[in-house]
Amino acid sequence: MIKPVPLEKKIETSSHLEKRSVSLSGHATSIALEKEFWDTLEMVAKRQNIALSKFINQIDSFQRKGRPLASTLRLKALEEAFSLPTQDKPFL
């Protein structure tokens, strides 16, 4: 029997990266990003009124272009962060 994995389970790491487990196309995968990238992605998902896991699945399905998922998520977070008003930027 396969146990379901929580869609956005945080995994503690000793480095500066925050690792989370996400279900992509029914398969659990771990993604390690810096907190600021997670914060930005969460903000964007919230603005779109969707769960972070759904937002990540959309990026995985349509925007990867052969890149590793963590790299694609960082690029998406940067793209979105540059379009935010200064007061909403999570890294400033």
C-alpha atoms as a PDB file:
ATOM      1  CA  MET A   1       0.000   0.000   0.000  1.00  0.00           C
ATOM      2  CA  ILE A   2       1.316   3.417  -0.943  1.00  0.00           C
ATOM      3  CA  LYS A   3       0.909   6.166   1.625  1.00  0.00           C
ATOM      4  CA  PRO A   4      -0.175   9.529   0.233  1.00  0.00           C
ATOM      5  CA  VAL A   5       2.431  12.256   0.601  1.00  0.00           C
ATOM      6  CA  PRO A   6       1.216  15.642   1.852  1.00  0.00           C
ATOM      7  CA  LEU A   7       1.385  17.954  -1.143  1.00  0.00           C
ATOM      8  CA  GLU A   8       3.531  20.615   0.471  1.00  0.00           C
ATOM      9  CA  LYS A   9       5.367  18.852   3.255  1.00  0.00           C
ATOM     10  CA  LYS A  10       8.324  20.840   4.589  1.00  0.00           C
ATOM     11  CA  ILE A  11      11.485  18.856   5.271  1.00  0.00           C
ATOM     12  CA  GLU A  12      14.062  20.330   7.640  1.00  0.00           C
ATOM     13  CA  THR A  13      17.579  20.612   6.272  1.00  0.00           C
ATOM     14  CA  SER A  14      20.727  21.899   7.905  1.00  0.00           C
ATOM     15  CA  SER A  15      21.714  24.026   4.904  1.00  0.00           C
ATOM     16  CA  HIS A  16      20.320  27.313   3.680  1.00  0.00           C
ATOM     17  CA  LEU A  17      17.911  25.374   1.467  1.00  0.00           C
ATOM     18  CA  GLU A  18      14.378  24.476   2.486  1.00  0.00           C
ATOM     19  CA  LYS A  19      13.330  21.136   1.069  1.00  0.00           C
ATOM     20  CA  ARG A  20       9.676  20.370   0.392  1.00  0.00           C
ATOM     21  CA  SER A  21       7.966  17.270  -0.869  1.00  0.00           C
ATOM     22  CA  VAL A  22       5.419  17.822  -3.646  1.00  0.00           C
ATOM     23  CA  SER A  23       3.304  15.406  -5.649  1.00  0.00           C
ATOM     24  CA  LEU A  24       3.886  15.829  -9.395  1.00  0.00           C
ATOM     25  CA  SER A  25       1.716  13.754 -11.712  1.00  0.00           C
ATOM     26  CA  GLY A  26       1.070  11.354  -8.846  1.00  0.00           C
ATOM     27  CA  HIS A  27       4.732  10.946  -7.893  1.00  0.00           C
ATOM     28  CA  ALA A  28       6.325  12.425  -4.779  1.00  0.00           C
ATOM     29  CA  THR A  29       9.392  14.526  -5.437  1.00  0.00           C
ATOM     30  CA  SER A  30      11.528  16.737  -3.209  1.00  0.00           C
ATOM     31  CA  ILE A  31      12.451  20.269  -4.197  1.00  0.00           C
ATOM     32  CA  ALA A  32      15.122  22.272  -2.364  1.00  0.00           C
ATOM     33  CA  LEU A  33      14.998  26.069  -2.690  1.00  0.00           C
ATOM     34  CA  GLU A  34      16.056  29.023  -0.603  1.00  0.00           C
ATOM     35  CA  LYS A  35      13.329  30.426   1.669  1.00  0.00           C
ATOM     36  CA  GLU A  36      13.034  33.608  -0.382  1.00  0.00           C
ATOM     37  CA  PHE A  37      12.167  31.622  -3.499  1.00  0.00           C
ATOM     38  CA  TRP A  38       9.546  29.610  -1.607  1.00  0.00           C
ATOM     39  CA  ASP A  39       8.096  32.842  -0.208  1.00  0.00           C
ATOM     40  CA  THR A  40       7.813  34.345  -3.676  1.00  0.00           C
ATOM     41  CA  LEU A  41       6.244  31.230  -5.187  1.00  0.00           C
ATOM     42  CA  GLU A  42       3.739  31.041  -2.311  1.00  0.00           C
ATOM     43  CA  MET A  43       2.843  34.707  -2.830  1.00  0.00           C
ATOM     44  CA  VAL A  44       2.237  34.178  -6.545  1.00  0.00           C
ATOM     45  CA  ALA A  45       0.119  31.063  -5.955  1.00  0.00           C
ATOM     46  CA  LYS A  46      -1.901  32.936  -3.349  1.00  0.00           C
ATOM     47  CA  ARG A  47      -2.476  35.848  -5.763  1.00  0.00           C
ATOM     48  CA  GLN A  48      -3.768  33.323  -8.298  1.00  0.00           C
ATOM     49  CA  ASN A  49      -5.993  31.685  -5.648  1.00  0.00           C
ATOM     50  CA  ILE A  50      -4.448  28.255  -6.145  1.00  0.00           C
ATOM     51  CA  ALA A  51      -2.483  25.929  -3.905  1.00  0.00           C
ATOM     52  CA  LEU A  52       1.290  26.081  -4.170  1.00  0.00           C
ATOM     53  CA  SER A  53       1.332  22.430  -5.246  1.00  0.00           C
ATOM     54  CA  LYS A  54      -1.014  23.190  -8.157  1.00  0.00           C
ATOM     55  CA  PHE A  55       1.132  26.182  -9.157  1.00  0.00           C
ATOM     56  CA  ILE A  56       4.259  23.991  -9.131  1.00  0.00           C
ATOM     57  CA  ASN A  57       2.452  21.336 -11.179  1.00  0.00           C
ATOM     58  CA  GLN A  58       1.517  23.970 -13.775  1.00  0.00           C
ATOM     59  CA  ILE A  59       5.123  25.126 -14.003  1.00  0.00           C
ATOM     60  CA  ASP A  60       6.323  21.527 -14.239  1.00  0.00           C
ATOM     61  CA  SER A  61       3.862  20.777 -17.039  1.00  0.00           C
ATOM     62  CA  PHE A  62       4.212  23.887 -19.173  1.00  0.00           C
ATOM     63  CA  GLN A  63       7.380  25.873 -18.440  1.00  0.00           C
ATOM     64  CA  ARG A  64      10.335  23.556 -17.787  1.00  0.00           C
ATOM     65  CA  LYS A  65      11.801  23.423 -21.306  1.00  0.00           C
ATOM     66  CA  GLY A  66      14.226  20.670 -20.281  1.00  0.00           C
ATOM     67  CA  ARG A  67      15.570  22.486 -17.198  1.00  0.00           C
ATOM     68  CA  PRO A  68      15.692  20.949 -13.727  1.00  0.00           C
ATOM     69  CA  LEU A  69      12.526  21.781 -11.794  1.00  0.00           C
ATOM     70  CA  ALA A  70      14.351  23.680  -9.016  1.00  0.00           C
ATOM     71  CA  SER A  71      16.024  25.914 -11.613  1.00  0.00           C
ATOM     72  CA  THR A  72      12.724  26.525 -13.378  1.00  0.00           C
ATOM     73  CA  LEU A  73      11.049  27.452 -10.074  1.00  0.00           C
ATOM     74  CA  ARG A  74      13.848  29.894  -9.230  1.00  0.00           C
ATOM     75  CA  LEU A  75      13.523  31.534 -12.654  1.00  0.00           C
ATOM     76  CA  LYS A  76       9.735  31.771 -12.274  1.00  0.00           C
ATOM     77  CA  ALA A  77      10.115  33.284  -8.798  1.00  0.00           C
ATOM     78  CA  LEU A  78      12.570  35.875 -10.147  1.00  0.00           C
ATOM     79  CA  GLU A  79      10.301  36.681 -13.084  1.00  0.00           C
ATOM     80  CA  GLU A  80       7.363  37.194 -10.740  1.00  0.00           C
ATOM     81  CA  ALA A  81       9.393  39.083  -8.119  1.00  0.00           C
ATOM     82  CA  PHE A  82      10.570  41.654 -10.644  1.00  0.00           C
ATOM     83  CA  SER A  83       6.958  42.347 -11.593  1.00  0.00           C
ATOM     84  CA  LEU A  84       5.871  42.988  -7.964  1.00  0.00           C
ATOM     85  CA  PRO A  85       5.640  46.456  -6.432  1.00  0.00           C
ATOM     86  CA  THR A  86       8.673  47.081  -4.191  1.00  0.00           C
ATOM     87  CA  GLN A  87       6.718  46.864  -0.921  1.00  0.00           C
ATOM     88  CA  ASP A  88       5.517  43.330  -1.810  1.00  0.00           C
ATOM     89  CA  LYS A  89       8.918  41.851  -2.611  1.00  0.00           C
ATOM     90  CA  PRO A  90       9.627  39.109  -0.046  1.00  0.00           C
ATOM     91  CA  PHE A  91      13.397  39.400  -0.341  1.00  0.00           C
ATOM     92  CA  LEU A  92      13.775  43.134   0.370  1.00  0.00           C
END
